[in-house]
Amino acid sequence: MLRRPFFVFLLLMVLAATQLLGQTATYEFAKRDTCNLYLDVYQPTAKNNHCCVLFVFGGGFVMGERDHKEYKEFARQLNELGYTFVSIDYRLGLKGANMKGAHVINSLHHAIEIAVEDLFSATEYLLQHADELGFDRDKIVLCGSSAGAITVLQGDYELCNRTELAKRLPADFHYAGVMSFAGAIFSTHGAVKYRENPAPTLFLQGTCDHLVPYKSIRFANYGFFGTKPLVKRFEKFNYPYMVRRYEDLGHEIAAAMNQEVETCDYFIRRCVLKKEWLQSDATINDPAIRPHKWGKVRASDIY
């Protein structure tokens, strides 16, 4: 049996840890034929700025989990800056998929489509519960890593073009911002075109990324467009953006969230909270950012 002083000490330690990490709660936001989907809400530990960062994990659409320790650290840092952080599940559409020959395009298209469908279901849930969770409905910022970055860029693209996928969301709803750690957009209609203005977007990617293309891959009307062509599109049509191009690095930037918290905070405060128009282009050549062997991973290594 625990002695009372020791029990009180343990209780205080638990309470202190809870305050340090922020309160966390898990909610079911969707039921699918193959699984139920959940999201974790990490509440801010500093003064609440009523902005929600909705995060989608990476893993090539074949692996990953919403509560990985690196994402929890990212959540903790953003909580300390006043943000609500939400990390979501989504279906992994390339797990066991046929990735040979012509099947690649259809398999990738399907995986992205169902991930976006799940992202929109999570968004719908958050819009319905924004008051009780403590953030404003017009301050939801998407953020994703790798496959998650593809999902959030694609989600804003589908929403701005009011596609069939986006019909479950309110007609007047827009995301307040998008933050992409090594993402791209998949198009079945040639070059990326927005019917409505996209959300202010923060692009971060290595210029030698061979897993998610930094440039573009095109076949007939199909295309996979990375940071370089997307920023050109944003610049041409005067859409607000920030881009950080990491010279000579590959897919390492997909896992750079914890190193780029200040950049994320700057972007959100300028473009979302203050609603300033901004176009900023930076090329990063920092010897402190060391290449990793998995930064050179190609799609053929995974699939």
Protein backbone atom coordinates (compact mmCIF):
# COMPACT_ATOMS: atom_id res chain seq x y z
CA MET A 1 0.00 0.00 0.00
CA LEU A 2 1.26 3.48 -0.93
CA ARG A 3 1.88 5.83 1.97
CA ARG A 4 -0.11 9.04 1.83
CA PRO A 5 2.86 11.44 1.32
CA PHE A 6 4.18 9.34 -1.55
CA PHE A 7 0.70 9.09 -3.10
CA VAL A 8 0.31 12.88 -2.92
CA PHE A 9 3.75 13.28 -4.52
CA LEU A 10 2.76 10.99 -7.42
CA LEU A 11 -0.51 12.84 -7.88
CA LEU A 12 1.29 16.19 -8.04
CA MET A 13 3.76 14.79 -10.56
CA VAL A 14 0.92 13.55 -12.77
CA LEU A 15 -0.83 16.92 -12.59
CA ALA A 16 2.39 18.73 -13.40
CA ALA A 17 2.99 16.49 -16.42
CA THR A 18 -0.55 17.08 -17.61
CA GLN A 19 -0.02 20.84 -17.46
CA LEU A 20 3.31 20.53 -19.26
CA LEU A 21 1.97 18.40 -22.10
CA GLY A 22 -1.49 19.95 -22.29
CA GLN A 23 -4.75 18.12 -21.87
CA THR A 24 -5.30 15.42 -24.47
CA ALA A 25 -8.56 13.79 -25.47
CA THR A 26 -9.38 11.21 -28.14
CA TYR A 27 -12.59 11.24 -30.20
CA GLU A 28 -14.02 8.98 -32.88
CA PHE A 29 -14.84 11.10 -35.93
CA ALA A 30 -15.81 8.52 -38.57
CA LYS A 31 -16.78 4.89 -39.13
CA ARG A 32 -15.59 3.19 -42.32
CA ASP A 33 -16.18 -0.32 -43.62
CA THR A 34 -12.61 -1.31 -42.73
CA CYS A 35 -12.01 0.68 -39.53
CA ASN A 36 -13.09 3.43 -37.17
CA LEU A 37 -11.13 6.69 -37.32
CA TYR A 38 -10.00 8.74 -34.32
CA LEU A 39 -8.40 12.08 -33.62
CA ASP A 40 -6.38 13.35 -30.66
CA VAL A 41 -6.85 16.90 -29.39
CA TYR A 42 -3.94 18.54 -27.55
CA GLN A 43 -5.02 21.70 -25.74
CA PRO A 44 -2.76 24.79 -25.53
CA THR A 45 -0.72 25.33 -22.39
CA ALA A 46 -0.23 29.05 -23.10
CA LYS A 47 -2.81 31.75 -23.77
CA ASN A 48 -5.23 30.26 -26.31
CA ASN A 49 -5.08 32.06 -29.67
CA HIS A 50 -8.17 30.06 -30.79
CA CYS A 51 -6.34 28.63 -33.80
CA CYS A 52 -6.38 24.89 -34.55
CA VAL A 53 -3.55 23.08 -36.35
CA LEU A 54 -5.03 19.96 -37.96
CA PHE A 55 -2.17 17.52 -38.55
CA VAL A 56 -1.97 14.54 -40.95
CA PHE A 57 0.91 12.09 -40.43
CA GLY A 58 3.23 10.66 -43.10
CA GLY A 59 4.20 7.15 -44.11
CA GLY A 60 3.74 6.73 -47.85
CA PHE A 61 0.05 5.82 -47.45
CA VAL A 62 1.23 2.42 -46.18
CA MET A 63 2.23 3.08 -42.57
CA GLY A 64 2.26 5.66 -39.75
CA GLU A 65 0.21 6.61 -36.74
CA ARG A 66 -1.34 9.81 -35.46
CA ASP A 67 0.32 9.62 -32.02
CA HIS A 68 3.96 9.05 -32.96
CA LYS A 69 6.35 10.57 -30.40
CA GLU A 70 7.72 13.12 -32.91
CA TYR A 71 4.22 14.42 -33.55
CA LYS A 72 3.57 14.64 -29.82
CA GLU A 73 6.67 16.83 -29.49
CA PHE A 74 5.43 19.01 -32.35
CA ALA A 75 2.07 19.26 -30.56
CA ARG A 76 3.77 20.22 -27.28
CA GLN A 77 5.73 23.04 -28.90
CA LEU A 78 2.67 24.43 -30.66
CA ASN A 79 0.60 24.11 -27.46
CA GLU A 80 3.19 26.31 -25.73
CA LEU A 81 2.54 28.95 -28.40
CA GLY A 82 -1.21 28.91 -27.78
CA TYR A 83 -2.38 26.57 -30.56
CA THR A 84 -4.83 23.71 -30.31
CA PHE A 85 -3.26 20.70 -32.05
CA VAL A 86 -5.33 17.91 -33.59
CA SER A 87 -3.76 14.76 -35.05
CA ILE A 88 -5.98 12.46 -37.09
CA ASP A 89 -6.25 8.93 -38.45
CA TYR A 90 -6.85 8.23 -42.13
CA ARG A 91 -7.09 5.07 -44.22
CA LEU A 92 -3.78 3.86 -45.71
CA GLY A 93 -4.81 3.29 -49.30
CA LEU A 94 -1.50 1.98 -50.65
CA LYS A 95 -1.16 -0.75 -48.05
CA GLY A 96 -1.27 -3.93 -50.13
CA ALA A 97 -2.15 -2.00 -53.30
CA ASN A 98 -1.00 -2.98 -56.79
CA MET A 99 1.93 -0.66 -57.60
CA LYS A 100 3.07 -2.25 -60.85
CA GLY A 101 2.93 -0.65 -64.27
CA ALA A 102 -0.22 1.28 -65.14
CA HIS A 103 -1.79 0.36 -61.79
CA VAL A 104 0.43 2.90 -60.00
CA ILE A 105 -1.62 5.90 -61.14
CA ASN A 106 -4.98 4.41 -60.17
CA SER A 107 -3.67 3.14 -56.83
CA LEU A 108 -2.10 6.49 -55.92
CA HIS A 109 -5.21 8.38 -57.00
CA HIS A 110 -7.40 6.14 -54.84
CA ALA A 111 -5.11 6.43 -51.79
CA ILE A 112 -5.07 10.23 -51.97
CA GLU A 113 -8.82 10.39 -52.54
CA ILE A 114 -9.75 8.33 -49.46
CA ALA A 115 -7.20 10.17 -47.31
CA VAL A 116 -8.79 13.49 -48.32
CA GLU A 117 -12.25 12.04 -47.65
CA ASP A 118 -11.09 11.19 -44.11
CA LEU A 119 -9.51 14.64 -43.70
CA PHE A 120 -12.84 16.23 -44.64
CA SER A 121 -14.69 14.00 -42.17
CA ALA A 122 -12.30 15.12 -39.42
CA THR A 123 -12.82 18.74 -40.48
CA GLU A 124 -16.58 18.28 -40.36
CA TYR A 125 -16.27 16.89 -36.82
CA LEU A 126 -14.09 19.81 -35.71
CA LEU A 127 -16.48 22.37 -37.18
CA GLN A 128 -19.32 20.79 -35.20
CA HIS A 129 -17.32 20.81 -31.94
CA ALA A 130 -15.19 23.95 -32.29
CA ASP A 131 -16.82 25.78 -29.38
CA GLU A 132 -16.28 23.02 -26.84
CA LEU A 133 -12.74 22.39 -28.10
CA GLY A 134 -11.86 26.07 -27.80
CA PHE A 135 -10.96 27.33 -31.28
CA ASP A 136 -12.57 29.41 -34.01
CA ARG A 137 -14.11 27.69 -37.03
CA ASP A 138 -12.39 30.13 -39.38
CA LYS A 139 -8.93 29.40 -37.92
CA ILE A 140 -8.31 25.78 -38.93
CA VAL A 141 -4.81 25.40 -40.40
CA LEU A 142 -3.90 22.17 -42.17
CA CYS A 143 -0.47 20.66 -41.66
CA GLY A 144 0.98 17.42 -43.01
CA SER A 145 4.16 15.41 -43.44
CA SER A 146 4.94 13.49 -46.67
CA ALA A 147 1.75 11.51 -47.47
CA GLY A 148 0.04 13.78 -44.95
CA ALA A 149 1.40 16.84 -46.77
CA ILE A 150 0.03 15.46 -50.04
CA THR A 151 -3.32 14.99 -48.28
CA VAL A 152 -3.55 18.54 -46.91
CA LEU A 153 -2.46 20.19 -50.18
CA GLN A 154 -4.90 17.99 -52.08
CA GLY A 155 -7.64 18.72 -49.55
CA ASP A 156 -7.37 22.47 -50.02
CA TYR A 157 -7.20 21.96 -53.80
CA GLU A 158 -10.37 19.84 -53.82
CA LEU A 159 -12.15 22.34 -51.55
CA CYS A 160 -11.21 25.36 -53.68
CA ASN A 161 -12.49 23.57 -56.78
CA ARG A 162 -15.63 22.42 -54.93
CA THR A 163 -15.26 18.86 -56.18
CA GLU A 164 -17.58 16.01 -55.25
CA LEU A 165 -15.27 15.11 -52.36
CA ALA A 166 -15.65 18.57 -50.83
CA LYS A 167 -19.45 18.67 -50.87
CA ARG A 168 -19.67 17.40 -47.28
CA LEU A 169 -18.14 20.68 -46.04
CA PRO A 170 -20.12 23.96 -45.79
CA ALA A 171 -20.25 25.95 -49.03
CA ASP A 172 -18.70 29.00 -47.38
CA PHE A 173 -15.94 27.15 -45.54
CA HIS A 174 -12.25 27.66 -46.30
CA TYR A 175 -9.17 26.48 -44.48
CA ALA A 176 -7.26 29.36 -42.91
CA GLY A 177 -3.87 28.05 -44.00
CA VAL A 178 -1.89 25.02 -45.16
CA MET A 179 1.59 23.87 -44.08
CA SER A 180 3.22 21.22 -46.28
CA PHE A 181 6.32 19.31 -45.21
CA ALA A 182 7.33 17.66 -48.51
CA GLY A 183 3.96 17.48 -50.24
CA ALA A 184 2.50 17.61 -53.74
CA ILE A 185 -0.83 17.74 -55.57
CA PHE A 186 -2.19 14.99 -57.82
CA SER A 187 -4.14 16.28 -60.83
CA THR A 188 -6.18 14.36 -63.38
CA HIS A 189 -6.76 17.50 -65.48
CA GLY A 190 -3.30 18.72 -66.39
CA ALA A 191 -1.74 21.67 -64.60
CA VAL A 192 -3.05 22.63 -61.16
CA LYS A 193 -5.75 25.29 -61.36
CA TYR A 194 -7.78 26.77 -58.49
CA ARG A 195 -11.36 27.90 -59.08
CA GLU A 196 -11.34 29.77 -55.76
CA ASN A 197 -8.25 31.25 -54.14
CA PRO A 198 -6.28 28.67 -52.12
CA ALA A 199 -5.50 29.17 -48.46
CA PRO A 200 -2.18 30.86 -47.64
CA THR A 201 0.34 28.04 -47.89
CA LEU A 202 3.72 27.29 -46.34
CA PHE A 203 5.79 24.97 -48.55
CA LEU A 204 8.86 23.20 -47.13
CA GLN A 205 10.73 20.67 -49.25
CA GLY A 206 14.19 19.46 -50.25
CA THR A 207 15.21 20.28 -53.82
CA CYS A 208 16.47 16.69 -54.27
CA ASP A 209 13.34 14.96 -52.99
CA HIS A 210 12.79 11.84 -55.11
CA LEU A 211 9.98 10.29 -53.09
CA VAL A 212 7.50 13.16 -53.33
CA PRO A 213 8.57 15.18 -56.38
CA TYR A 214 9.97 18.66 -55.74
CA LYS A 215 9.32 19.38 -59.42
CA SER A 216 6.62 17.46 -61.29
CA ILE A 217 5.82 14.16 -62.93
CA ARG A 218 3.38 14.21 -65.86
CA PHE A 219 1.72 11.54 -67.99
CA ALA A 220 -0.97 12.66 -70.46
CA ASN A 221 -3.55 14.57 -68.34
CA TYR A 222 -2.22 13.12 -65.09
CA GLY A 223 0.32 15.03 -63.06
CA PHE A 224 1.99 15.04 -59.66
CA PHE A 225 3.07 18.60 -58.84
CA GLY A 226 5.52 19.41 -56.05
CA THR A 227 6.70 22.59 -54.41
CA LYS A 228 8.48 24.15 -57.41
CA PRO A 229 5.53 24.22 -59.87
CA LEU A 230 3.01 24.96 -57.13
CA VAL A 231 4.93 28.03 -55.97
CA LYS A 232 5.11 29.20 -59.61
CA ARG A 233 1.33 28.91 -59.77
CA PHE A 234 0.88 30.81 -56.51
CA GLU A 235 3.25 33.54 -57.68
CA LYS A 236 1.57 33.87 -61.09
CA PHE A 237 -1.88 34.37 -59.59
CA ASN A 238 -0.73 36.40 -56.59
CA TYR A 239 -1.79 33.86 -53.96
CA PRO A 240 -0.13 34.27 -50.53
CA TYR A 241 2.63 31.79 -49.71
CA MET A 242 5.91 31.13 -47.96
CA VAL A 243 8.42 28.62 -49.32
CA ARG A 244 11.58 27.17 -47.80
CA ARG A 245 13.65 25.25 -50.35
CA TYR A 246 16.37 23.08 -48.80
CA GLU A 247 19.29 22.80 -51.21
CA ASP A 248 20.71 19.33 -51.86
CA LEU A 249 18.37 17.67 -49.35
CA GLY A 250 15.78 15.04 -50.13
CA HIS A 251 12.82 13.70 -48.22
CA GLU A 252 14.39 14.53 -44.82
CA ILE A 253 12.25 17.67 -44.70
CA ALA A 254 9.14 15.54 -44.25
CA ALA A 255 10.31 15.08 -40.63
CA ALA A 256 11.47 18.66 -39.98
CA MET A 257 8.39 19.84 -38.04
CA ASN A 258 10.13 20.10 -34.68
CA GLN A 259 12.96 22.14 -36.20
CA GLU A 260 10.59 24.49 -38.01
CA VAL A 261 8.14 25.40 -35.23
CA GLU A 262 9.24 29.05 -35.33
CA THR A 263 8.64 29.14 -39.09
CA CYS A 264 5.17 27.64 -38.65
CA ASP A 265 4.35 30.10 -35.88
CA TYR A 266 5.57 33.06 -37.97
CA PHE A 267 3.52 31.91 -40.96
CA ILE A 268 0.33 31.40 -38.95
CA ARG A 269 0.63 34.67 -37.03
CA ARG A 270 1.24 36.70 -40.18
CA CYS A 271 -1.08 34.98 -42.66
CA VAL A 272 -3.86 33.60 -40.43
CA LEU A 273 -4.12 35.58 -37.21
CA LYS A 274 -3.19 38.98 -38.71
CA LYS A 275 -4.49 38.07 -42.20
CA GLU A 276 -1.56 39.75 -43.90
CA TRP A 277 -0.80 39.10 -47.56
CA LEU A 278 2.67 37.60 -47.87
CA GLN A 279 4.93 36.09 -50.50
CA SER A 280 8.28 34.89 -49.21
CA ASP A 281 10.82 32.64 -50.95
CA ALA A 282 13.88 31.33 -49.09
CA THR A 283 16.54 28.86 -50.18
CA ILE A 284 18.13 27.14 -47.20
CA ASN A 285 21.69 25.86 -47.29
CA ASP A 286 22.43 25.06 -43.67
CA PRO A 287 25.32 22.67 -42.87
CA ALA A 288 23.64 21.98 -39.51
CA ILE A 289 20.86 20.16 -41.36
CA ARG A 290 22.52 16.84 -42.07
CA PRO A 291 21.34 14.47 -44.78
CA HIS A 292 19.90 11.11 -43.70
CA LYS A 293 20.00 7.90 -45.70
CA TRP A 294 16.21 7.77 -45.76
CA GLY A 295 16.22 11.23 -47.31
CA LYS A 296 17.29 9.56 -50.56
CA VAL A 297 14.43 7.07 -50.54
CA ARG A 298 12.57 6.63 -53.83
CA ALA A 299 9.08 5.28 -54.42
CA SER A 300 10.54 2.01 -55.75
CA ASP A 301 12.21 1.42 -52.37
CA ILE A 302 8.82 1.42 -50.61
CA TYR A 303 6.47 -0.11 -53.14
